[in-house]
Every structure is written in C-alpha cells, then in structure tokens.
C-alpha cells in the first residue's frame, strides 16, 4: 500500500501530465470504470486552464474565433505543464508558444496579440513599486548626471511587434471591425506601462526604443548620450536623451 504523499503525487501527475500509474489505486464504481472516473478530474482541470487563458487573452480569442481558440489552447496545454500553484501565471508562456509552434507560428499576428495582451495584463498586475519623479532627477547634482543609471518600473514591457496588432487590438476593444492583418516592413516598437493605475501603451521611434533597451541593460546617462550621438545630431544628443527621460518619468515608466 502506498503512502498518502505517494498517492497524491501520482494523482497530480495523472492530472497534469496524463500518466496512468494512479489507476492501480482507483477502484471502479458500480456505474463507471476507473479510467472514466479519473478522466472527470483530468477534463475538469483542462477546462479550468482553458478558462484562465480565455480571461487573459480575450482579444486573441476574438481574433481566432471560439473553435480555433479552443484548438490553440488545448495545444498549449498539451505542451505546457503548469509549474506554479498560482493559475494567474499559467498563460505567461503562450506568446512564445505561438511564435515557435506550427501552425500558429505561420501567423505572426497571433504571437504579437498574445505578447501585447500579456504585457497589458502585466502592467495592471505588477508590483506597486515606487516610480521616479522629476523632483528625484532635479535633486541630483549636475556633475553626477553622467554616472546616473535608471531602471524600468516593474509594470513596463518593451515589445517589437511584426504586425499591425496595435490597431487590431484597439478596434476589437472598441467593438468595431478590425483592419486587415498586415506584416510591417519594420517592427512596431511599443512600450506598455501603467500610469495612474491604468494600463497604457504607445509606439516608440527607433532612437527612443534603442535608448530604452540600452538603459534597461544598465547603460548610464553618459553612455546613452554617446549612443544617441551616433544616431543623429551629436550636438543635440544630450537634449534628446533628457527629453526621452522626461517622457519616461512623466509616464511613470522608471523605478525610483
């Protein structure tokens, strides 16, 4: 006779991974075989995961339609074991799944939509970390500015989108007919963030996106100026960087 812990572990593997060892510990009832009884729990778990994905990816569901969305979610569930007791995080790997698994990877708009929706969810749910203010920046002595480092607020996500998914998402949110799907000549560089407790997003031009990415990797103010000087007018580089910083701070995108 196995221990309670061993029984629980076998049952968990049966539900999460479809393993069947636990059937040796289950008795058939007068009405149903043990395989059917175990299947009730396996199916219920799958339906709950589908519900979680539906809640997190509403616009992706609208884009695909009910039948195709269920096919996509079941494929994701079959390939993605939940490793967290918090179901809120189960969908975090869906964008990568859609970008790397056929046939979904053949439609870049699916991965883009999933990435965009997950970033919006993250912006809303992120920790309430303090954000940098203009007063914080003004308190720094001018001679110390070159060594200043900045960090993104936990609510921010920078995305490179291959399609016009911003416009499609907005149309679906407005309950209007979305535009035709377009694969863009160059990425739509998007920043998703939280301001005043609302999820926000906007596009960035190449220079701003490049500087944001380098800032996120730890490049200091002096290094950002040097990068900006290689991109456009060297004499205006520091002013451009300062302008971007001002916008990021006013958008509550930088951590204190």
Protein backbone atom coordinates (compact mmCIF):
# COMPACT_ATOMS: atom_id res chain seq x y z
CA UNK A 1 0.00 0.00 0.00
CA UNK A 2 1.46 3.35 -0.99
CA UNK A 3 1.63 6.35 1.33
CA UNK A 4 -0.75 9.29 1.12
CA UNK A 5 2.02 11.51 -0.29
CA UNK A 6 2.84 8.95 -3.00
CA UNK A 7 -0.85 8.70 -3.87
CA UNK A 8 -1.13 12.48 -4.09
CA UNK A 9 1.98 12.69 -6.29
CA UNK A 10 0.66 10.01 -8.65
CA UNK A 11 -2.72 11.70 -8.85
CA UNK A 12 -1.09 15.05 -9.60
CA UNK A 13 0.99 13.52 -12.40
CA UNK A 14 -2.15 11.92 -13.81
CA UNK A 15 -3.98 15.25 -13.89
CA UNK A 16 -1.07 17.41 -15.04
CA UNK A 17 0.78 15.01 -17.34
CA UNK A 18 -1.69 12.27 -18.24
CA UNK A 19 0.26 9.50 -16.52
CA UNK A 20 -1.75 6.40 -15.55
CA UNK A 21 0.06 4.77 -12.59
CA UNK A 22 -2.56 6.07 -10.17
CA UNK A 23 -5.20 3.86 -11.83
CA UNK A 24 -3.81 0.95 -9.81
CA UNK A 25 -5.04 2.76 -6.69
CA UNK A 26 -8.54 3.58 -8.00
CA UNK A 27 -11.47 1.21 -7.85
CA UNK A 28 -14.13 1.19 -10.50
CA UNK A 29 -17.63 2.00 -9.23
CA UNK A 30 -20.84 0.19 -10.00
CA UNK A 31 -21.58 2.76 -12.71
CA UNK A 32 -18.22 3.78 -14.20
CA UNK A 33 -14.81 2.35 -14.91
CA UNK A 34 -11.84 3.84 -13.07
CA UNK A 35 -10.50 5.36 -16.31
CA UNK A 36 -13.70 7.35 -16.65
CA UNK A 37 -13.60 8.47 -13.02
CA UNK A 38 -10.02 9.72 -13.38
CA UNK A 39 -10.93 11.38 -16.67
CA UNK A 40 -13.50 13.54 -14.88
CA UNK A 41 -10.70 15.21 -12.93
CA UNK A 42 -8.39 15.43 -15.94
CA UNK A 43 -11.08 17.05 -18.08
CA UNK A 44 -12.13 19.45 -15.32
CA UNK A 45 -8.53 20.58 -14.91
CA UNK A 46 -8.18 21.18 -18.63
CA UNK A 47 -11.41 23.19 -18.74
CA UNK A 48 -10.21 25.38 -15.88
CA UNK A 49 -6.95 26.08 -17.72
CA UNK A 50 -8.93 27.00 -20.85
CA UNK A 51 -10.96 29.42 -18.72
CA UNK A 52 -7.79 31.06 -17.37
CA UNK A 53 -6.39 31.52 -20.88
CA UNK A 54 -9.73 32.93 -22.09
CA UNK A 55 -9.66 35.53 -19.32
CA UNK A 56 -6.06 36.55 -20.04
CA UNK A 57 -6.34 36.61 -23.83
CA UNK A 58 -9.78 37.99 -24.61
CA UNK A 59 -8.80 39.79 -27.82
CA UNK A 60 -6.82 36.79 -29.08
CA UNK A 61 -9.98 34.77 -28.61
CA UNK A 62 -11.98 37.29 -30.62
CA UNK A 63 -9.34 37.28 -33.35
CA UNK A 64 -9.33 33.48 -33.66
CA UNK A 65 -12.98 32.71 -33.03
CA UNK A 66 -14.25 30.18 -30.48
CA UNK A 67 -13.40 26.95 -32.29
CA UNK A 68 -9.86 27.89 -33.36
CA UNK A 69 -9.16 29.44 -29.97
CA UNK A 70 -10.06 26.18 -28.19
CA UNK A 71 -7.85 24.21 -30.57
CA UNK A 72 -4.98 26.61 -29.87
CA UNK A 73 -5.45 26.49 -26.09
CA UNK A 74 -5.63 22.70 -25.99
CA UNK A 75 -2.39 22.53 -27.99
CA UNK A 76 -0.79 24.90 -25.50
CA UNK A 77 -2.00 22.85 -22.53
CA UNK A 78 -0.65 19.66 -24.10
CA UNK A 79 2.78 21.29 -24.47
CA UNK A 80 2.92 23.37 -21.28
CA UNK A 81 2.84 21.92 -17.77
CA UNK A 82 1.83 24.32 -15.01
CA UNK A 83 4.69 24.80 -12.53
CA UNK A 84 3.02 27.36 -10.27
CA UNK A 85 0.15 26.98 -7.77
CA UNK A 86 -0.99 30.43 -8.94
CA UNK A 87 -3.00 29.90 -12.13
CA UNK A 88 -2.64 33.62 -12.91
CA UNK A 89 0.83 32.88 -14.30
CA UNK A 90 -0.08 29.87 -16.41
CA UNK A 91 -0.52 31.87 -19.60
CA UNK A 92 2.84 33.63 -19.48
CA UNK A 93 4.41 31.18 -21.95
CA UNK A 94 1.64 31.40 -24.54
CA UNK A 95 3.27 34.20 -26.62
CA UNK A 96 6.46 32.17 -27.04
CA UNK A 97 4.45 29.03 -27.79
CA UNK A 98 2.55 30.76 -30.58
CA UNK A 99 5.77 32.11 -32.07
CA UNK A 100 7.57 28.75 -32.10
CA UNK A 101 4.93 26.08 -32.74
CA UNK A 102 3.25 25.43 -36.07
CA UNK A 103 0.70 26.10 -37.40
CA UNK A 104 0.37 29.11 -35.08
CA UNK A 105 3.85 30.42 -35.86
CA UNK A 106 2.79 30.75 -39.50
CA UNK A 107 0.53 33.66 -38.45
CA UNK A 108 2.77 36.23 -36.68
CA UNK A 109 -0.27 38.24 -35.59
CA UNK A 110 -1.14 35.51 -33.07
CA UNK A 111 2.16 35.74 -31.22
CA UNK A 112 2.01 39.53 -31.41
CA UNK A 113 -1.51 39.66 -29.98
CA UNK A 114 -0.59 37.30 -27.16
CA UNK A 115 2.56 39.32 -26.33
CA UNK A 116 0.60 42.56 -26.37
CA UNK A 117 -2.24 41.27 -24.20
CA UNK A 118 0.13 39.67 -21.69
CA UNK A 119 2.08 42.93 -21.42
CA UNK A 120 -1.15 44.81 -20.71
CA UNK A 121 -2.05 42.26 -18.03
CA UNK A 122 1.42 42.53 -16.52
CA UNK A 123 1.20 46.32 -16.45
CA UNK A 124 -2.03 46.12 -14.46
CA UNK A 125 -0.88 43.37 -12.07
CA UNK A 126 2.71 44.44 -11.47
CA UNK A 127 4.01 45.23 -8.00
CA UNK A 128 3.33 48.71 -6.63
CA UNK A 129 6.96 49.79 -6.76
CA UNK A 130 7.74 53.48 -6.36
CA UNK A 131 8.35 55.32 -9.61
CA UNK A 132 10.88 58.05 -10.33
CA UNK A 133 9.70 61.67 -10.33
CA UNK A 134 11.11 64.80 -11.92
CA UNK A 135 11.86 66.03 -8.41
CA UNK A 136 14.07 62.97 -7.88
CA UNK A 137 16.01 63.82 -11.01
CA UNK A 138 16.29 67.50 -10.13
CA UNK A 139 17.87 66.62 -6.79
CA UNK A 140 20.92 65.09 -8.49
CA UNK A 141 23.93 67.38 -8.76
CA UNK A 142 24.85 68.15 -12.42
CA UNK A 143 28.34 66.70 -12.05
CA UNK A 144 26.79 63.33 -11.09
CA UNK A 145 24.50 63.06 -14.10
CA UNK A 146 26.97 61.16 -16.35
CA UNK A 147 27.04 58.26 -13.86
CA UNK A 148 23.27 58.07 -13.39
CA UNK A 149 21.66 54.69 -14.01
CA UNK A 150 17.95 54.13 -14.49
CA UNK A 151 15.72 51.09 -14.20
CA UNK A 152 12.36 50.29 -15.80
CA UNK A 153 9.38 50.17 -13.48
CA UNK A 154 8.19 46.54 -12.98
CA UNK A 155 4.99 47.35 -14.87
CA UNK A 156 6.78 48.14 -18.16
CA UNK A 157 7.33 45.86 -21.14
CA UNK A 158 9.05 46.78 -24.41
CA UNK A 159 7.83 44.89 -27.46
CA UNK A 160 8.81 44.64 -31.11
CA UNK A 161 5.62 43.73 -32.99
CA UNK A 162 5.83 42.38 -36.52
CA UNK A 163 2.22 43.19 -37.38
CA UNK A 164 -0.36 45.97 -37.00
CA UNK A 165 -1.68 44.31 -33.87
CA UNK A 166 -1.99 47.63 -32.02
CA UNK A 167 -4.67 48.75 -34.46
CA UNK A 168 -6.37 45.36 -34.41
CA UNK A 169 -6.45 45.25 -30.60
CA UNK A 170 -7.84 48.79 -30.40
CA UNK A 171 -10.60 48.01 -32.91
CA UNK A 172 -11.58 44.87 -31.01
CA UNK A 173 -11.57 46.84 -27.76
CA UNK A 174 -13.81 49.47 -29.38
CA UNK A 175 -16.07 46.71 -30.72
CA UNK A 176 -15.51 47.88 -34.29
CA UNK A 177 -14.37 45.93 -37.34
CA UNK A 178 -10.60 45.42 -37.09
CA UNK A 179 -8.37 46.33 -40.03
CA UNK A 180 -6.88 43.67 -42.27
CA UNK A 181 -3.80 41.98 -40.82
CA UNK A 182 -0.56 43.49 -42.11
CA UNK A 183 3.01 42.29 -41.70
CA UNK A 184 5.02 45.50 -41.26
CA UNK A 185 8.17 46.42 -43.17
CA UNK A 186 9.87 47.18 -39.85
CA UNK A 187 8.82 46.36 -36.28
CA UNK A 188 6.30 48.45 -34.41
CA UNK A 189 8.35 49.37 -31.34
CA UNK A 190 5.89 49.53 -28.45
CA UNK A 191 6.18 50.31 -24.75
CA UNK A 192 3.45 49.05 -22.42
CA UNK A 193 3.27 50.63 -18.98
CA UNK A 194 1.00 51.57 -16.09
CA UNK A 195 0.13 55.17 -15.34
CA UNK A 196 -2.27 56.19 -12.59
CA UNK A 197 -3.35 52.54 -12.16
CA UNK A 198 -4.29 52.14 -15.85
CA UNK A 199 -2.51 50.02 -18.47
CA UNK A 200 -1.19 52.24 -21.26
CA UNK A 201 0.78 51.76 -24.45
CA UNK A 202 2.37 53.77 -27.22
CA UNK A 203 4.84 53.36 -30.06
CA UNK A 204 8.46 54.49 -29.89
CA UNK A 205 10.67 55.63 -32.74
CA UNK A 206 13.90 53.75 -33.37
CA UNK A 207 16.12 56.01 -31.27
CA UNK A 208 13.86 56.05 -28.23
CA UNK A 209 13.39 52.27 -28.32
CA UNK A 210 17.14 51.73 -28.71
CA UNK A 211 17.90 54.01 -25.76
CA UNK A 212 15.24 52.36 -23.61
CA UNK A 213 16.69 48.92 -24.34
CA UNK A 214 20.23 50.05 -23.52
CA UNK A 215 19.06 51.86 -20.38
CA UNK A 216 17.35 48.61 -19.30
CA UNK A 217 20.69 46.81 -19.70
CA UNK A 218 22.36 49.25 -17.30
CA UNK A 219 23.91 51.84 -19.63
CA UNK A 220 24.28 55.10 -17.72
CA UNK A 221 23.33 58.63 -18.80
CA UNK A 222 26.73 59.31 -20.37
CA UNK A 223 26.53 56.07 -22.34
CA UNK A 224 23.03 56.93 -23.54
CA UNK A 225 24.33 60.27 -24.78
CA UNK A 226 27.10 58.55 -26.72
CA UNK A 227 24.62 56.14 -28.31
CA UNK A 228 22.29 59.00 -29.23
CA UNK A 229 25.19 60.94 -30.78
CA UNK A 230 25.91 58.04 -33.14
CA UNK A 231 22.28 58.03 -34.27
CA UNK A 232 21.64 61.70 -35.09
CA UNK A 233 22.92 65.25 -34.47
CA UNK A 234 25.75 64.89 -31.96
CA UNK A 235 25.27 68.40 -30.57
CA UNK A 236 21.65 67.69 -29.67
CA UNK A 237 22.22 64.21 -28.25
CA UNK A 238 22.09 65.12 -24.56
CA UNK A 239 18.93 67.18 -25.09
CA UNK A 240 17.24 64.30 -26.88
CA UNK A 241 18.17 61.86 -24.13
CA UNK A 242 16.93 64.30 -21.49
CA UNK A 243 13.68 64.66 -23.42
CA UNK A 244 13.17 60.91 -23.54
CA UNK A 245 13.92 60.64 -19.82
CA UNK A 246 11.38 63.35 -19.07
CA UNK A 247 8.75 61.47 -21.04
CA UNK A 248 9.57 58.18 -19.31
CA UNK A 249 9.38 59.80 -15.88
CA UNK A 250 6.12 61.58 -16.61
CA UNK A 251 4.74 58.28 -17.91
CA UNK A 252 5.72 56.60 -14.60
CA UNK A 253 7.88 54.14 -16.52
CA UNK A 254 11.04 54.36 -14.39
CA UNK A 255 11.54 52.90 -10.93
CA UNK A 256 12.53 55.23 -8.12
